[in-house]
């Protein structure tokens, strides 16, 4: 029966695959991993896409400040970027950029909760290229609570050139469902961070599996931590261990 179902699905342009849970842990080792890494590689370069406001709840903030990690933090929302700018004011080893990152250079419509809404403050930090993304959250009358804004989008190649980066050692992505496309864009540009962290939670299952397979083929070891996937290149594991 299974073979017959698969045959019918293939004729319709679909495939049936087994989805298996990937290794996961509840405790986030990322801050300790980056901290240990920074002590062994002082010239470590970190890029964070979807940096939000970089406040005290950001798991990267402590390591970035304590170990003076050279960092590029990217956030497209104007008001959130202003708070990010304030939170890292006077920190010379941190650079900030206000744009989105994607496969190509250009502009894109980004949907967000209206800054002047009466909703809880956490909702005003949500932004997605998918308008229907907001239906996943407990936002009453969500269609009336969001607005579109046009934001510049920068490709990984342009990002590297613009900021004169000779490498990206650690790449952290949190973009409410756009994460897999960004990861593919970096890999398509032959950029291979030693540590790659992205939020898988809002990524469709088929995209998750496809990206996992690609990372596996490139030699990465992956671990799910909460809503994120942490992909470690073997060369980093050798350095840390």
Protein backbone atom coordinates (compact mmCIF):
# COMPACT_ATOMS: atom_id res chain seq x y z
CA UNK A 1 0.00 0.00 0.00
CA UNK A 2 2.80 2.39 0.87
CA UNK A 3 4.46 1.78 -2.51
CA UNK A 4 1.19 2.49 -4.32
CA UNK A 5 0.65 5.74 -2.39
CA UNK A 6 4.21 6.86 -3.15
CA UNK A 7 3.72 6.07 -6.84
CA UNK A 8 0.52 8.14 -6.98
CA UNK A 9 2.16 11.03 -5.16
CA UNK A 10 5.15 11.02 -7.53
CA UNK A 11 2.85 11.19 -10.54
CA UNK A 12 1.26 14.25 -8.93
CA UNK A 13 4.68 15.82 -8.41
CA UNK A 14 5.10 14.99 -4.70
CA UNK A 15 7.18 12.60 -2.64
CA UNK A 16 6.64 10.79 0.65
CA UNK A 17 9.54 10.89 3.07
CA UNK A 18 10.01 9.80 6.65
CA UNK A 19 10.53 12.74 9.03
CA UNK A 20 12.73 11.88 11.98
CA UNK A 21 13.40 14.12 14.93
CA UNK A 22 16.95 15.47 15.08
CA UNK A 23 19.03 15.53 18.27
CA UNK A 24 17.90 18.31 20.57
CA UNK A 25 18.69 19.75 23.99
CA UNK A 26 16.92 22.30 26.17
CA UNK A 27 20.03 24.02 27.55
CA UNK A 28 21.67 26.46 25.15
CA UNK A 29 25.45 25.91 24.96
CA UNK A 30 25.95 28.71 22.41
CA UNK A 31 27.28 31.46 24.76
CA UNK A 32 29.81 29.10 26.34
CA UNK A 33 30.85 27.69 22.97
CA UNK A 34 31.45 31.14 21.51
CA UNK A 35 33.23 32.28 24.66
CA UNK A 36 35.61 29.31 24.60
CA UNK A 37 36.15 29.76 20.88
CA UNK A 38 36.98 33.45 21.30
CA UNK A 39 39.68 32.66 23.87
CA UNK A 40 41.38 30.34 21.36
CA UNK A 41 40.81 32.50 18.27
CA UNK A 42 41.06 36.19 19.23
CA UNK A 43 40.33 37.34 15.66
CA UNK A 44 36.96 35.57 15.58
CA UNK A 45 34.43 37.33 13.32
CA UNK A 46 30.70 37.06 14.04
CA UNK A 47 27.72 38.12 11.92
CA UNK A 48 24.22 38.22 13.39
CA UNK A 49 21.26 38.61 11.02
CA UNK A 50 18.03 39.64 12.70
CA UNK A 51 19.88 41.06 15.68
CA UNK A 52 16.80 42.71 17.20
CA UNK A 53 17.79 45.33 19.79
CA UNK A 54 20.84 43.49 21.16
CA UNK A 55 19.58 43.95 24.70
CA UNK A 56 20.39 41.93 27.85
CA UNK A 57 18.19 39.00 26.78
CA UNK A 58 20.27 38.44 23.62
CA UNK A 59 22.33 35.28 24.29
CA UNK A 60 25.22 36.67 22.23
CA UNK A 61 25.55 40.03 23.95
CA UNK A 62 27.55 38.87 26.98
CA UNK A 63 30.09 36.95 24.89
CA UNK A 64 30.45 39.78 22.36
CA UNK A 65 31.21 42.30 25.11
CA UNK A 66 33.25 40.09 27.44
CA UNK A 67 35.52 38.68 24.73
CA UNK A 68 35.48 41.77 22.48
CA UNK A 69 34.39 39.69 19.50
CA UNK A 70 34.53 41.55 16.19
CA UNK A 71 30.87 41.56 15.19
CA UNK A 72 28.51 42.79 12.50
CA UNK A 73 24.93 43.01 13.75
CA UNK A 74 22.17 43.44 11.16
CA UNK A 75 18.59 44.56 11.85
CA UNK A 76 16.15 45.93 9.22
CA UNK A 77 13.40 47.51 11.37
CA UNK A 78 14.18 51.23 11.86
CA UNK A 79 12.95 51.63 15.46
CA UNK A 80 14.47 48.32 16.60
CA UNK A 81 17.73 49.27 14.89
CA UNK A 82 17.76 52.54 16.84
CA UNK A 83 17.56 50.59 20.11
CA UNK A 84 20.31 48.27 18.84
CA UNK A 85 22.43 51.34 18.15
CA UNK A 86 21.82 52.61 21.68
CA UNK A 87 22.62 49.27 23.30
CA UNK A 88 26.00 49.07 21.54
CA UNK A 89 26.88 52.74 21.66
CA UNK A 90 30.63 53.24 22.12
CA UNK A 91 31.51 49.58 21.48
CA UNK A 92 34.23 49.89 18.87
CA UNK A 93 34.49 46.20 17.93
CA UNK A 94 30.80 46.02 16.97
CA UNK A 95 29.46 47.35 13.66
CA UNK A 96 25.77 47.76 12.89
CA UNK A 97 23.86 47.66 9.61
CA UNK A 98 20.23 48.37 8.81
CA UNK A 99 18.99 46.12 6.00
CA UNK A 100 17.67 42.63 5.33
CA UNK A 101 19.79 39.79 3.95
CA UNK A 102 18.62 37.50 1.16
CA UNK A 103 19.65 35.67 -2.01
CA UNK A 104 19.89 38.84 -4.14
CA UNK A 105 20.40 42.59 -3.86
CA UNK A 106 17.29 44.73 -4.12
CA UNK A 107 14.29 45.65 -1.98
CA UNK A 108 11.61 43.56 -0.34
CA UNK A 109 8.36 44.11 1.54
CA UNK A 110 8.68 43.26 5.21
CA UNK A 111 5.56 42.92 7.34
CA UNK A 112 5.64 44.03 10.95
CA UNK A 113 3.34 44.83 13.86
CA UNK A 114 2.57 48.54 13.88
CA UNK A 115 4.94 50.34 16.27
CA UNK A 116 2.06 52.37 17.77
CA UNK A 117 -0.16 49.35 18.46
CA UNK A 118 -1.48 48.64 21.95
CA UNK A 119 -0.25 45.06 21.80
CA UNK A 120 2.42 43.68 24.18
CA UNK A 121 5.89 45.03 23.47
CA UNK A 122 7.24 41.64 22.29
CA UNK A 123 4.88 41.70 19.30
CA UNK A 124 6.44 44.90 17.96
CA UNK A 125 9.71 43.03 17.50
CA UNK A 126 8.09 40.57 15.07
CA UNK A 127 8.74 40.98 11.37
CA UNK A 128 8.37 38.60 8.44
CA UNK A 129 8.37 38.58 4.66
CA UNK A 130 5.29 36.36 4.92
CA UNK A 131 2.16 38.34 5.80
CA UNK A 132 0.37 35.24 7.09
CA UNK A 133 3.19 34.51 9.53
CA UNK A 134 1.41 36.61 12.16
CA UNK A 135 -1.53 34.21 12.27
CA UNK A 136 0.74 31.88 14.28
CA UNK A 137 0.79 34.26 17.23
CA UNK A 138 -1.89 35.22 19.79
CA UNK A 139 -2.49 38.60 18.17
CA UNK A 140 -6.16 39.66 18.08
CA UNK A 141 -7.31 40.92 14.66
CA UNK A 142 -3.77 40.46 13.41
CA UNK A 143 -4.57 41.66 9.88
CA UNK A 144 -5.41 45.10 11.30
CA UNK A 145 -2.34 45.18 13.53
CA UNK A 146 0.37 44.82 10.89
CA UNK A 147 1.82 47.07 8.20
CA UNK A 148 4.21 46.64 5.26
CA UNK A 149 7.52 48.47 5.00
CA UNK A 150 9.99 48.37 2.13
CA UNK A 151 13.50 47.43 3.19
CA UNK A 152 16.75 47.08 1.26
CA UNK A 153 17.97 43.52 0.83
CA UNK A 154 21.65 42.64 0.55
CA UNK A 155 23.12 39.41 -0.78
CA UNK A 156 25.88 37.58 1.13
CA UNK A 157 28.47 38.49 -1.52
CA UNK A 158 27.61 42.19 -1.30
CA UNK A 159 27.60 41.99 2.50
CA UNK A 160 31.14 40.58 2.50
CA UNK A 161 32.36 43.24 0.06
CA UNK A 162 30.60 46.18 1.69
CA UNK A 163 31.94 45.47 5.16
CA UNK A 164 35.34 44.22 3.97
CA UNK A 165 35.06 40.91 5.78
CA UNK A 166 37.85 38.43 5.10
CA UNK A 167 35.78 35.66 6.68
CA UNK A 168 32.63 34.88 8.64
CA UNK A 169 33.51 32.47 11.39
CA UNK A 170 30.19 32.51 13.21
CA UNK A 171 26.86 33.24 11.48
CA UNK A 172 23.69 33.58 13.59
CA UNK A 173 20.29 34.02 11.90
CA UNK A 174 16.84 34.71 13.36
CA UNK A 175 14.41 35.94 10.71
CA UNK A 176 10.99 34.43 11.47
CA UNK A 177 10.89 31.76 8.76
CA UNK A 178 13.29 33.21 6.17
CA UNK A 179 16.27 31.52 7.81
CA UNK A 180 16.68 28.55 5.45
CA UNK A 181 16.73 30.80 2.38
CA UNK A 182 19.45 32.94 3.96
CA UNK A 183 21.55 29.91 4.88
CA UNK A 184 21.26 28.56 1.33
CA UNK A 185 22.27 31.99 -0.02
CA UNK A 186 25.48 31.93 2.02
CA UNK A 187 26.26 28.36 1.04
CA UNK A 188 25.54 29.17 -2.63
CA UNK A 189 28.12 31.96 -2.31
CA UNK A 190 30.71 29.43 -1.08
CA UNK A 191 30.69 30.97 2.40
CA UNK A 192 31.25 28.28 5.03
CA UNK A 193 31.03 29.58 8.62
CA UNK A 194 32.58 27.28 11.20
CA UNK A 195 29.50 27.79 13.36
CA UNK A 196 26.10 28.36 11.81
CA UNK A 197 23.03 29.02 13.97
CA UNK A 198 19.54 29.54 12.56
CA UNK A 199 15.96 29.39 13.84
CA UNK A 200 14.28 26.31 12.36
CA UNK A 201 10.97 26.65 14.19
CA UNK A 202 9.09 28.65 11.55
CA UNK A 203 10.75 26.95 8.56
CA UNK A 204 8.51 24.44 6.71
CA UNK A 205 9.49 20.82 7.41
CA UNK A 206 10.46 20.07 3.81
CA UNK A 207 12.85 23.06 3.82
CA UNK A 208 14.28 21.98 7.17
CA UNK A 209 15.08 18.50 5.86
CA UNK A 210 16.54 19.81 2.61
CA UNK A 211 18.84 22.20 4.47
CA UNK A 212 19.88 19.51 6.95
CA UNK A 213 20.86 17.21 4.10
CA UNK A 214 22.92 19.94 2.50
CA UNK A 215 24.70 20.75 5.76
CA UNK A 216 25.35 17.05 6.35
CA UNK A 217 26.82 16.71 2.87
CA UNK A 218 29.14 19.64 3.67
CA UNK A 219 30.33 17.89 6.82
CA UNK A 220 28.46 19.91 9.44
CA UNK A 221 27.32 18.36 12.72
CA UNK A 222 23.89 19.64 13.77
CA UNK A 223 22.07 19.96 17.07
CA UNK A 224 18.66 21.45 17.84
CA UNK A 225 18.59 23.76 20.85
CA UNK A 226 15.13 25.09 21.62
CA UNK A 227 13.92 26.62 18.35
CA UNK A 228 17.39 26.87 16.82
CA UNK A 229 19.68 24.58 14.90
CA UNK A 230 23.38 24.85 15.65
CA UNK A 231 25.58 23.51 12.86
CA UNK A 232 29.26 22.99 13.73
CA UNK A 233 31.96 22.37 11.18
CA UNK A 234 34.41 19.61 12.18
CA UNK A 235 37.34 22.03 12.06
CA UNK A 236 35.73 24.07 14.85
CA UNK A 237 35.15 20.95 16.92
CA UNK A 238 38.87 20.14 16.57
CA UNK A 239 39.80 23.68 17.65
CA UNK A 240 37.54 23.68 20.71
CA UNK A 241 38.21 20.10 21.79
